[in-house]
Amino acid sequence: MRNLKDDKKIRPLKELAPKSDQHLELVEADLLKPESWINAVHGCRYVIHMASPFPLKEPQNPDQIIKPAIEGTLNVLRACAKVGTVKRVVLTSSIAAVTGDLSKQSAYDEGDWTDTKAPNMTSYLKSKTMAEQAAWDFVRETKAFELAVVNPGLVLGPLLHNCSGASVELLRRTLNHDFPMLPKLHLSIVDVRDVALGHLRAMTLPEANGKRHLLVNRTVWFKDLATILDNEFRPQGYDVTLREAPYVIMKVRSFFDKGLHSIVADYGKQLKVDSGRMINVLGINPIDLNRTVVDMAYSLIERGFVKKAANYKSQYKSKL
């Protein structure tokens, strides 16, 4: 944890492990403080490195995102090499390190890499790509431990805590009718529960070593997600926009909002992803997309991210 006094983030972890004194140890660490990771990985056989900044909008200084991603990853790996007990590291990369500017007509697979020098590259796309490449380089050079990588798409599903994030904001704003019109974007979606299982399998399966694994259930248009929400929640009093914004409107808006540049670049482009290793190697049967979206929406309402409408009837029965 960055801060052991942050009760808002620590409490959910302790609730997941009721006998926390026996099964859960929390250590304070910071991505940019290399010395803090020695205690965190000391005595560990497996290490899963998940933390990397995911901004809600493009920062003025790209290094705010890129530096913690690369240096943080290397600081964790160096600590793992130094303690000498680590057998395998599982790195959480992203589909962002694979698909780049969506220029490929056929399906993206584990052999594809985002070109960080291509036009309209965001700080996030660069950070995830460069951090993963740095990890592979480190392992090839040191041979200190095994490395397996998971590359999730947009992670949706029920929440375990009350902290916001990029995927939370996407569905929250859609359900709250904050979008007057929807961008015509094609998204790769995966359930958070499948991502958790993917990490576990990547950690333990021998055949996962030295490989990347694209964790994607389906690729869908943003409007498809809105339609799922509309079908479930319009009868309960929620007004979900289903209109798509014409390209020309988004283009004009991008002149005044730099954060829209990458959206305009990918506007209307269809994305194809080959997630065969997720199914055939990690053995994951993806959770149905409708369940992913509906479970997350009910979770957002129950946790207060979205106001309960007049006709709202809780049907949140998700089993983690």
Protein backbone atom coordinates (compact mmCIF):
# COMPACT_ATOMS: atom_id res chain seq x y z
CA MET A 1 0.00 0.00 0.00
CA ARG A 2 1.19 3.53 -0.70
CA ASN A 3 -0.23 4.56 2.66
CA LEU A 4 -0.95 2.12 5.48
CA LYS A 5 -3.20 4.74 7.07
CA ASP A 6 -5.56 4.87 4.07
CA ASP A 7 -8.47 3.08 5.70
CA LYS A 8 -10.70 3.53 2.64
CA LYS A 9 -8.46 1.22 0.62
CA ILE A 10 -7.25 -1.06 3.40
CA ARG A 11 -10.63 -1.97 4.91
CA PRO A 12 -11.92 -3.85 1.81
CA LEU A 13 -8.76 -5.98 1.79
CA LYS A 14 -9.20 -6.92 5.43
CA GLU A 15 -12.85 -7.71 4.84
CA LEU A 16 -11.81 -10.15 2.12
CA ALA A 17 -9.45 -11.85 4.57
CA PRO A 18 -11.30 -12.02 7.90
CA LYS A 19 -8.33 -13.69 9.59
CA SER A 20 -6.11 -10.96 8.25
CA ASP A 21 -3.47 -11.32 10.96
CA GLN A 22 -2.77 -14.84 9.71
CA HIS A 23 -3.31 -14.52 5.97
CA LEU A 24 -2.72 -10.91 4.97
CA GLU A 25 0.31 -8.72 5.53
CA LEU A 26 0.28 -5.14 4.27
CA VAL A 27 3.55 -3.37 3.47
CA GLU A 28 3.99 0.30 2.63
CA ALA A 29 5.68 0.79 -0.75
CA ASP A 30 5.93 3.40 -3.50
CA LEU A 31 6.65 2.77 -7.18
CA LEU A 32 9.36 5.43 -7.26
CA LYS A 33 11.07 4.35 -4.01
CA PRO A 34 13.15 1.27 -4.90
CA GLU A 35 14.20 0.55 -1.34
CA SER A 36 10.56 0.15 -0.27
CA TRP A 37 10.13 -2.99 -2.41
CA ILE A 38 12.69 -5.15 -0.65
CA ASN A 39 10.40 -5.64 2.35
CA ALA A 40 7.39 -6.08 0.09
CA VAL A 41 8.85 -9.04 -1.86
CA HIS A 42 11.10 -10.51 0.84
CA GLY A 43 10.52 -14.26 1.14
CA CYS A 44 8.02 -14.33 -1.74
CA ARG A 45 8.01 -17.12 -4.31
CA TYR A 46 5.51 -15.39 -6.59
CA VAL A 47 5.03 -11.67 -7.20
CA ILE A 48 2.15 -10.08 -9.10
CA HIS A 49 2.85 -6.49 -10.13
CA MET A 50 -0.42 -4.73 -10.89
CA ALA A 51 -0.04 -1.06 -10.00
CA SER A 52 0.38 1.49 -12.79
CA PRO A 53 -1.23 4.92 -13.24
CA PHE A 54 -4.37 4.99 -15.42
CA PRO A 55 -5.35 8.65 -15.94
CA LEU A 56 -8.90 9.79 -16.56
CA LYS A 57 -7.51 12.47 -18.88
CA GLU A 58 -4.23 13.15 -20.63
CA PRO A 59 -1.77 14.89 -18.26
CA GLN A 60 0.13 18.00 -19.30
CA ASN A 61 3.40 16.23 -18.48
CA PRO A 62 3.50 12.70 -19.96
CA ASP A 63 6.22 11.69 -17.47
CA GLN A 64 3.58 11.77 -14.73
CA ILE A 65 2.31 8.52 -16.26
CA ILE A 66 5.29 7.10 -18.12
CA LYS A 67 7.96 7.41 -15.42
CA PRO A 68 6.05 5.62 -12.60
CA ALA A 69 5.03 2.86 -15.02
CA ILE A 70 8.55 2.09 -16.25
CA GLU A 71 10.59 2.90 -13.17
CA GLY A 72 8.01 1.34 -10.88
CA THR A 73 8.07 -1.91 -12.83
CA LEU A 74 11.86 -2.02 -12.84
CA ASN A 75 12.05 -1.21 -9.14
CA VAL A 76 9.79 -4.17 -8.36
CA LEU A 77 11.77 -6.50 -10.65
CA ARG A 78 15.11 -5.39 -9.22
CA ALA A 79 13.86 -6.09 -5.72
CA CYS A 80 12.67 -9.55 -6.81
CA ALA A 81 16.10 -10.30 -8.27
CA LYS A 82 17.84 -9.02 -5.15
CA VAL A 83 15.94 -11.11 -2.60
CA GLY A 84 16.57 -14.27 -4.63
CA THR A 85 13.48 -16.24 -3.57
CA VAL A 86 11.14 -15.24 -6.39
CA LYS A 87 10.37 -17.98 -8.92
CA ARG A 88 7.95 -16.09 -11.17
CA VAL A 89 6.62 -12.56 -11.63
CA VAL A 90 3.25 -11.92 -13.23
CA LEU A 91 3.08 -8.46 -14.78
CA THR A 92 -0.23 -6.75 -15.45
CA SER A 93 0.27 -5.02 -18.77
CA SER A 94 -2.67 -3.99 -20.97
CA ILE A 95 -4.28 -4.51 -24.33
CA ALA A 96 -3.02 -0.95 -24.82
CA ALA A 97 0.48 -2.41 -25.26
CA VAL A 98 -0.83 -4.55 -28.12
CA THR A 99 -3.40 -2.75 -30.24
CA GLY A 100 -1.95 0.77 -30.48
CA ASP A 101 -3.68 2.89 -33.10
CA LEU A 102 -6.03 0.09 -34.30
CA SER A 103 -4.40 0.08 -37.73
CA LYS A 104 -4.39 -3.71 -38.14
CA GLN A 105 -7.23 -5.20 -40.17
CA SER A 106 -6.88 -8.75 -38.86
CA ALA A 107 -7.08 -9.84 -35.22
CA TYR A 108 -4.42 -8.64 -32.80
CA ASP A 109 -2.55 -11.37 -30.92
CA GLU A 110 0.34 -11.77 -28.46
CA GLY A 111 2.90 -11.04 -31.16
CA ASP A 112 1.65 -7.49 -31.75
CA TRP A 113 3.11 -4.43 -30.07
CA THR A 114 1.92 -0.84 -29.94
CA ASP A 115 4.15 1.55 -31.87
CA THR A 116 4.88 4.26 -29.30
CA LYS A 117 6.18 6.57 -32.03
CA ALA A 118 2.95 6.49 -34.03
CA PRO A 119 0.77 9.64 -34.16
CA ASN A 120 -1.82 10.26 -31.43
CA MET A 121 -0.10 8.03 -28.88
CA THR A 122 -1.37 8.85 -25.39
CA SER A 123 0.78 8.77 -22.27
CA TYR A 124 -1.10 5.69 -21.11
CA LEU A 125 -0.47 3.74 -24.33
CA LYS A 126 3.21 4.62 -24.15
CA SER A 127 3.50 3.83 -20.45
CA LYS A 128 2.02 0.34 -20.65
CA THR A 129 3.99 -0.58 -23.78
CA MET A 130 7.32 0.73 -22.55
CA ALA A 131 6.89 -0.74 -19.07
CA GLU A 132 6.15 -4.21 -20.45
CA GLN A 133 9.06 -4.03 -22.89
CA ALA A 134 11.35 -2.99 -20.03
CA ALA A 135 10.20 -6.02 -18.02
CA TRP A 136 10.92 -8.47 -20.86
CA ASP A 137 14.35 -6.87 -21.40
CA PHE A 138 15.16 -7.15 -17.69
CA VAL A 139 14.29 -10.85 -17.54
CA ARG A 140 16.20 -11.65 -20.73
CA GLU A 141 19.28 -9.91 -19.37
CA THR A 142 19.22 -11.16 -15.78
CA LYS A 143 17.43 -14.53 -16.05
CA ALA A 144 16.69 -13.96 -12.36
CA PHE A 145 13.16 -15.43 -12.47
CA GLU A 146 10.32 -16.41 -14.78
CA LEU A 147 7.97 -13.82 -16.25
CA ALA A 148 4.37 -14.17 -17.41
CA VAL A 149 2.32 -11.21 -18.65
CA VAL A 150 -1.42 -10.62 -18.81
CA ASN A 151 -2.83 -7.94 -21.13
CA PRO A 152 -6.42 -7.18 -20.07
CA GLY A 153 -8.85 -5.15 -22.15
CA LEU A 154 -11.15 -2.62 -20.48
CA VAL A 155 -11.87 -4.17 -17.09
CA LEU A 156 -15.52 -4.05 -16.00
CA GLY A 157 -17.46 -5.86 -13.29
CA PRO A 158 -18.53 -5.50 -9.65
CA LEU A 159 -16.49 -3.40 -7.23
CA LEU A 160 -14.90 -4.50 -3.95
CA HIS A 161 -14.36 -0.96 -2.67
CA ASN A 162 -15.64 2.60 -2.94
CA CYS A 163 -12.73 4.05 -4.89
CA SER A 164 -13.29 5.48 -8.34
CA GLY A 165 -11.27 4.80 -11.50
CA ALA A 166 -11.39 5.04 -15.28
CA SER A 167 -13.69 2.06 -15.87
CA VAL A 168 -15.91 3.11 -12.96
CA GLU A 169 -16.33 6.56 -14.48
CA LEU A 170 -17.19 5.13 -17.90
CA LEU A 171 -20.24 3.21 -16.68
CA ARG A 172 -21.15 5.74 -13.99
CA ARG A 173 -21.37 8.57 -16.49
CA THR A 174 -23.28 6.41 -18.98
CA LEU A 175 -25.86 5.39 -16.39
CA ASN A 176 -26.12 8.97 -15.11
CA HIS A 177 -26.84 10.30 -18.61
CA ASP A 178 -23.71 12.45 -18.47
CA PHE A 179 -23.01 11.72 -22.14
CA PRO A 180 -25.41 13.64 -24.45
CA MET A 181 -24.12 11.40 -27.26
CA LEU A 182 -21.87 8.36 -27.33
CA PRO A 183 -18.50 8.18 -29.09
CA LYS A 184 -18.35 5.51 -31.78
CA LEU A 185 -15.57 3.50 -30.18
CA HIS A 186 -14.93 -0.21 -30.38
CA LEU A 187 -13.79 -1.56 -27.01
CA SER A 188 -12.24 -4.80 -25.80
CA ILE A 189 -14.02 -5.88 -22.61
CA VAL A 190 -13.10 -8.34 -19.88
CA ASP A 191 -14.70 -9.12 -16.52
CA VAL A 192 -12.65 -8.25 -13.44
CA ARG A 193 -13.30 -11.75 -12.07
CA ASP A 194 -11.77 -13.27 -15.21
CA VAL A 195 -8.79 -10.93 -14.82
CA ALA A 196 -8.29 -12.14 -11.25
CA LEU A 197 -8.41 -15.76 -12.38
CA GLY A 198 -6.06 -14.95 -15.25
CA HIS A 199 -3.45 -13.67 -12.79
CA LEU A 200 -3.75 -16.80 -10.68
CA ARG A 201 -3.40 -19.13 -13.66
CA ALA A 202 -0.51 -17.09 -15.11
CA MET A 203 1.22 -17.39 -11.75
CA THR A 204 0.93 -21.17 -11.42
CA LEU A 205 0.73 -22.80 -14.86
CA PRO A 206 4.09 -23.91 -16.31
CA GLU A 207 2.96 -23.16 -19.88
CA ALA A 208 2.28 -19.50 -18.98
CA ASN A 209 5.97 -18.79 -18.41
CA GLY A 210 7.56 -16.47 -20.93
CA LYS A 211 4.26 -15.66 -22.63
CA ARG A 212 1.78 -12.81 -23.02
CA HIS A 213 -1.94 -13.50 -22.52
CA LEU A 214 -4.62 -11.22 -23.94
CA LEU A 215 -7.52 -11.17 -21.50
CA VAL A 216 -10.50 -10.14 -23.61
CA ASN A 217 -14.00 -11.58 -23.64
CA ARG A 218 -15.53 -9.61 -26.50
CA THR A 219 -14.95 -6.49 -28.57
CA VAL A 220 -18.07 -4.31 -28.75
CA TRP A 221 -19.12 -0.79 -29.61
CA PHE A 222 -19.65 1.65 -26.77
CA LYS A 223 -23.30 1.74 -27.84
CA ASP A 224 -23.58 -2.01 -27.12
CA LEU A 225 -22.64 -1.39 -23.48
CA ALA A 226 -25.18 1.44 -23.28
CA THR A 227 -27.84 -0.82 -24.77
CA ILE A 228 -27.26 -3.45 -22.08
CA LEU A 229 -27.64 -0.75 -19.42
CA ASP A 230 -30.74 0.66 -21.12
CA ASN A 231 -32.47 -2.73 -21.29
CA GLU A 232 -31.87 -3.40 -17.61
CA PHE A 233 -32.29 0.03 -16.06
CA ARG A 234 -34.67 2.12 -18.18
CA PRO A 235 -37.68 0.32 -16.59
CA GLN A 236 -36.21 1.35 -13.23
CA GLY A 237 -36.10 5.05 -14.11
CA TYR A 238 -32.68 5.54 -15.68
CA ASP A 239 -32.23 7.44 -18.94
CA VAL A 240 -29.32 6.01 -20.94
CA THR A 241 -28.25 7.74 -24.14
CA LEU A 242 -28.09 5.49 -27.20
CA ARG A 243 -27.36 8.19 -29.81
CA GLU A 244 -23.88 8.14 -31.33
CA ALA A 245 -22.03 11.39 -31.95
CA PRO A 246 -21.19 12.10 -35.60
CA TYR A 247 -17.48 12.13 -36.36
CA VAL A 248 -17.50 15.82 -37.30
CA ILE A 249 -18.76 16.81 -33.84
CA MET A 250 -16.01 14.87 -32.08
CA LYS A 251 -13.42 16.28 -34.47
CA VAL A 252 -14.44 19.87 -33.74
CA ARG A 253 -14.50 19.23 -29.99
CA SER A 254 -10.99 17.74 -30.18
CA PHE A 255 -9.61 21.15 -31.16
CA PHE A 256 -10.60 22.41 -27.71
CA ASP A 257 -10.04 19.21 -25.72
CA LYS A 258 -6.69 17.46 -26.23
CA GLY A 259 -7.99 14.42 -24.41
CA LEU A 260 -10.24 13.69 -27.40
CA HIS A 261 -7.38 13.41 -29.91
CA SER A 262 -6.90 9.68 -29.37
CA ILE A 263 -10.66 9.09 -29.47
CA VAL A 264 -10.95 10.86 -32.81
CA ALA A 265 -8.01 8.84 -34.16
CA ASP A 266 -9.79 5.56 -33.32
CA TYR A 267 -13.29 6.76 -34.20
CA GLY A 268 -15.31 4.11 -36.00
CA LYS A 269 -12.38 1.67 -36.23
CA GLN A 270 -13.33 -1.93 -35.50
CA LEU A 271 -11.08 -3.89 -33.17
CA LYS A 272 -10.41 -7.63 -33.42
CA VAL A 273 -8.56 -9.53 -30.70
CA ASP A 274 -7.42 -13.16 -30.60
CA SER A 275 -7.72 -14.21 -26.95
CA GLY A 276 -7.05 -17.87 -27.62
CA ARG A 277 -4.40 -18.22 -24.90
CA MET A 278 -6.87 -16.93 -22.31
CA ILE A 279 -9.25 -19.78 -23.15
CA ASN A 280 -6.95 -22.60 -24.27
CA VAL A 281 -3.92 -22.07 -22.01
CA LEU A 282 -5.25 -20.29 -18.93
CA GLY A 283 -8.48 -22.28 -19.14
CA ILE A 284 -10.81 -19.33 -18.61
CA ASN A 285 -14.41 -19.52 -19.83
CA PRO A 286 -15.26 -15.79 -19.97
CA ILE A 287 -18.17 -14.46 -17.95
CA ASP A 288 -21.10 -13.34 -20.13
CA LEU A 289 -20.81 -9.68 -21.16
CA ASN A 290 -24.37 -8.85 -20.07
CA ARG A 291 -23.65 -10.17 -16.60
CA THR A 292 -20.40 -8.18 -16.43
CA VAL A 293 -22.09 -4.89 -17.30
CA VAL A 294 -25.24 -5.42 -15.23
CA ASP A 295 -23.32 -6.63 -12.16
CA MET A 296 -21.08 -3.59 -12.34
CA ALA A 297 -23.99 -1.20 -12.72
CA TYR A 298 -25.80 -2.62 -9.69
CA SER A 299 -22.53 -2.43 -7.78
CA LEU A 300 -22.16 1.25 -8.68
CA ILE A 301 -25.70 1.98 -7.51
CA GLU A 302 -25.38 0.02 -4.27
CA ARG A 303 -22.09 1.75 -3.44
CA GLY A 304 -23.47 5.23 -4.11
CA PHE A 305 -21.62 6.08 -7.32
CA VAL A 306 -24.99 6.32 -9.05
CA LYS A 307 -28.12 7.66 -7.36
CA LYS A 308 -30.98 5.22 -6.83
CA ALA A 309 -33.85 6.08 -9.16
CA ALA A 310 -37.47 6.17 -8.03
CA ASN A 311 -38.26 2.71 -9.40
CA TYR A 312 -34.94 1.13 -8.53
CA LYS A 313 -35.12 -2.46 -7.34
CA SER A 314 -31.88 -4.01 -6.20
CA GLN A 315 -31.14 -7.26 -7.99
CA TYR A 316 -27.46 -7.30 -7.16
CA LYS A 317 -26.81 -10.99 -6.58
CA SER A 318 -23.31 -11.27 -7.95
CA LYS A 319 -21.15 -13.94 -6.33
CA LEU A 320 -17.47 -13.06 -6.36
